Amino acid sequence: MFQKTDFWIGLAVGVVAGVFGYRFMQEREREMAAFASALPAGEVPLAELQRQKEELEDLIAAQEAKK
């Protein structure tokens, strides 16, 4: 099993993807913490609302395309 090249390639790809995913989530947490500390309680910034709106519109379009 450890002598197969496919195994090592798959392992390397998995590790790289895990590192990038971890770094992305850490950056996202920092951004959200900065938003939360900069705003009064209960207020969401317009840029975040726009991002969420676009994401929801994409999900809706994907669901409609499946029909």
C-alpha atoms as a PDB file:
ATOM      1  CA  MET A   1       0.000   0.000   0.000  1.00  0.00           C
ATOM      2  CA  PHE A   2       2.728   2.519   0.911  1.00  0.00           C
ATOM      3  CA  GLN A   3       4.695   1.682  -2.213  1.00  0.00           C
ATOM      4  CA  LYS A   4       1.972   2.847  -4.596  1.00  0.00           C
ATOM      5  CA  THR A   5       2.485   6.295  -6.043  1.00  0.00           C
ATOM      6  CA  ASP A   6      -1.263   7.018  -6.059  1.00  0.00           C
ATOM      7  CA  PHE A   7      -1.380   6.640  -2.294  1.00  0.00           C
ATOM      8  CA  TRP A   8       1.360   9.211  -1.721  1.00  0.00           C
ATOM      9  CA  ILE A   9      -0.120  11.634  -4.257  1.00  0.00           C
ATOM     10  CA  GLY A  10      -3.525  11.324  -2.598  1.00  0.00           C
ATOM     11  CA  LEU A  11      -2.008  11.813   0.825  1.00  0.00           C
ATOM     12  CA  ALA A  12      -0.120  14.925  -0.302  1.00  0.00           C
ATOM     13  CA  VAL A  13      -3.221  16.405  -1.956  1.00  0.00           C
ATOM     14  CA  GLY A  14      -5.255  15.721   1.179  1.00  0.00           C
ATOM     15  CA  VAL A  15      -2.697  17.375   3.434  1.00  0.00           C
ATOM     16  CA  VAL A  16      -2.430  20.446   1.198  1.00  0.00           C
ATOM     17  CA  ALA A  17      -6.214  20.750   0.970  1.00  0.00           C
ATOM     18  CA  GLY A  18      -6.495  20.409   4.745  1.00  0.00           C
ATOM     19  CA  VAL A  19      -3.911  23.129   5.352  1.00  0.00           C
ATOM     20  CA  PHE A  20      -5.578  25.539   2.943  1.00  0.00           C
ATOM     21  CA  GLY A  21      -9.008  24.777   4.403  1.00  0.00           C
ATOM     22  CA  TYR A  22      -7.750  25.338   7.932  1.00  0.00           C
ATOM     23  CA  ARG A  23      -6.104  28.645   6.994  1.00  0.00           C
ATOM     24  CA  PHE A  24      -9.259  29.778   5.173  1.00  0.00           C
ATOM     25  CA  MET A  25     -11.423  29.035   8.213  1.00  0.00           C
ATOM     26  CA  GLN A  26      -9.004  30.825  10.541  1.00  0.00           C
ATOM     27  CA  GLU A  27      -9.029  33.914   8.304  1.00  0.00           C
ATOM     28  CA  ARG A  28     -12.836  33.816   8.155  1.00  0.00           C
ATOM     29  CA  GLU A  29     -13.021  33.630  11.968  1.00  0.00           C
ATOM     30  CA  ARG A  30     -10.730  36.658  12.266  1.00  0.00           C
ATOM     31  CA  GLU A  31     -12.871  38.620   9.808  1.00  0.00           C
ATOM     32  CA  MET A  32     -16.059  37.778  11.679  1.00  0.00           C
ATOM     33  CA  ALA A  33     -14.476  38.679  15.015  1.00  0.00           C
ATOM     34  CA  ALA A  34     -13.387  42.035  13.579  1.00  0.00           C
ATOM     35  CA  PHE A  35     -16.913  42.687  12.309  1.00  0.00           C
ATOM     36  CA  ALA A  36     -18.439  41.724  15.638  1.00  0.00           C
ATOM     37  CA  SER A  37     -16.130  43.919  17.682  1.00  0.00           C
ATOM     38  CA  ALA A  38     -16.475  46.933  15.376  1.00  0.00           C
ATOM     39  CA  LEU A  39     -20.275  47.029  15.370  1.00  0.00           C
ATOM     40  CA  PRO A  40     -22.922  47.632  17.987  1.00  0.00           C
ATOM     41  CA  ALA A  41     -24.607  44.449  19.178  1.00  0.00           C
ATOM     42  CA  GLY A  42     -27.005  42.931  16.666  1.00  0.00           C
ATOM     43  CA  GLU A  43     -25.890  44.964  13.638  1.00  0.00           C
ATOM     44  CA  VAL A  44     -24.481  43.173  10.581  1.00  0.00           C
ATOM     45  CA  PRO A  45     -22.342  45.087   8.050  1.00  0.00           C
ATOM     46  CA  LEU A  46     -23.796  45.718   4.608  1.00  0.00           C
ATOM     47  CA  ALA A  47     -20.900  43.946   2.855  1.00  0.00           C
ATOM     48  CA  GLU A  48     -21.600  40.753   4.808  1.00  0.00           C
ATOM     49  CA  LEU A  49     -25.306  40.952   4.009  1.00  0.00           C
ATOM     50  CA  GLN A  50     -24.499  41.411   0.300  1.00  0.00           C
ATOM     51  CA  ARG A  51     -22.194  38.384   0.371  1.00  0.00           C
ATOM     52  CA  GLN A  52     -24.877  36.266   2.031  1.00  0.00           C
ATOM     53  CA  LYS A  53     -27.489  37.483  -0.459  1.00  0.00           C
ATOM     54  CA  GLU A  54     -25.308  36.515  -3.425  1.00  0.00           C
ATOM     55  CA  GLU A  55     -24.623  33.117  -1.907  1.00  0.00           C
ATOM     56  CA  LEU A  56     -28.341  32.502  -1.393  1.00  0.00           C
ATOM     57  CA  GLU A  57     -29.138  33.625  -4.939  1.00  0.00           C
ATOM     58  CA  ASP A  58     -26.540  31.166  -6.255  1.00  0.00           C
ATOM     59  CA  LEU A  59     -28.083  28.357  -4.214  1.00  0.00           C
ATOM     60  CA  ILE A  60     -31.570  29.245  -5.458  1.00  0.00           C
ATOM     61  CA  ALA A  61     -30.372  29.289  -9.081  1.00  0.00           C
ATOM     62  CA  ALA A  62     -28.736  25.879  -8.621  1.00  0.00           C
ATOM     63  CA  GLN A  63     -31.959  24.426  -7.181  1.00  0.00           C
ATOM     64  CA  GLU A  64     -34.020  25.861 -10.036  1.00  0.00           C
ATOM     65  CA  ALA A  65     -31.572  24.455 -12.598  1.00  0.00           C
ATOM     66  CA  LYS A  66     -32.081  20.957 -11.175  1.00  0.00           C
ATOM     67  CA  LYS A  67     -35.831  21.109 -11.866  1.00  0.00           C
END
